[in-house]
Amino acid sequence: MSEQSKPALLLAEFKDPAELLHAAEKVREAGYTQFDCHSPFPIHGMDAAMGLKRSPLGWIVGIMALTGAGLGMLLQWWTSTEAYPLVISGKPFFSYQAFIPVTFGLAVLFGAVTALLGMLFLNRLPKPYHPLFYSENFQRVTDDAFFISIECNDPRFSEAETGSFLKSIGGTSIEILPE
């Protein structure tokens, strides 16, 4: 790292998923809040080890699916009773049984679009640039490596202290990545 570039984060490698899980617990217990764990596959219990809360995405998707269903039913009610009140086969103007397919379809459409957009928004994606992308060591994360990165905007971050802390909990190949 050059003299003028400011550090963006510290990256430490761990040997296996169990060690990464225990290291994440230690990092959280030490008071770090701006850190992330990277692994080639999901690790059961990692959310709890990192102290992450449940995602609100399920509630958001559910509310929007119900909104889509309600709007679909409302639109069909309005068109069949107010805008174009036609008697078809002796059925009442508001024959809800015929409206179920469109109502269900709109619920699925609203839910699916909300799930996609909500996931992108809550994960702050797309992220075309991140300092991790320029680490030669980090390129192995999709194959067989396990990492913890602690960002410099964490209140407890100190280049020397955080680096020695990561070493003390089993981190190897500690790397300081510039912005």
Foldseek 3Di string as FASTA:
>chain_A
DDPPFDFFKKKFWFQDDVLLLVVLLVCVVVPWLQKDKFALDDDPPSCVSNVHDDDCLVVQLQVQLVVQLVVQLVVQLCVQPPVDPDQDPNDHSRDPVVSVVNSNVSSVVRSVVSSVVVVCVVVVDDDPDDQLVPDPVSVCRNPRIMMMMGTCPTPPDDPVVVVVSCVVSRTPPMDTTTD
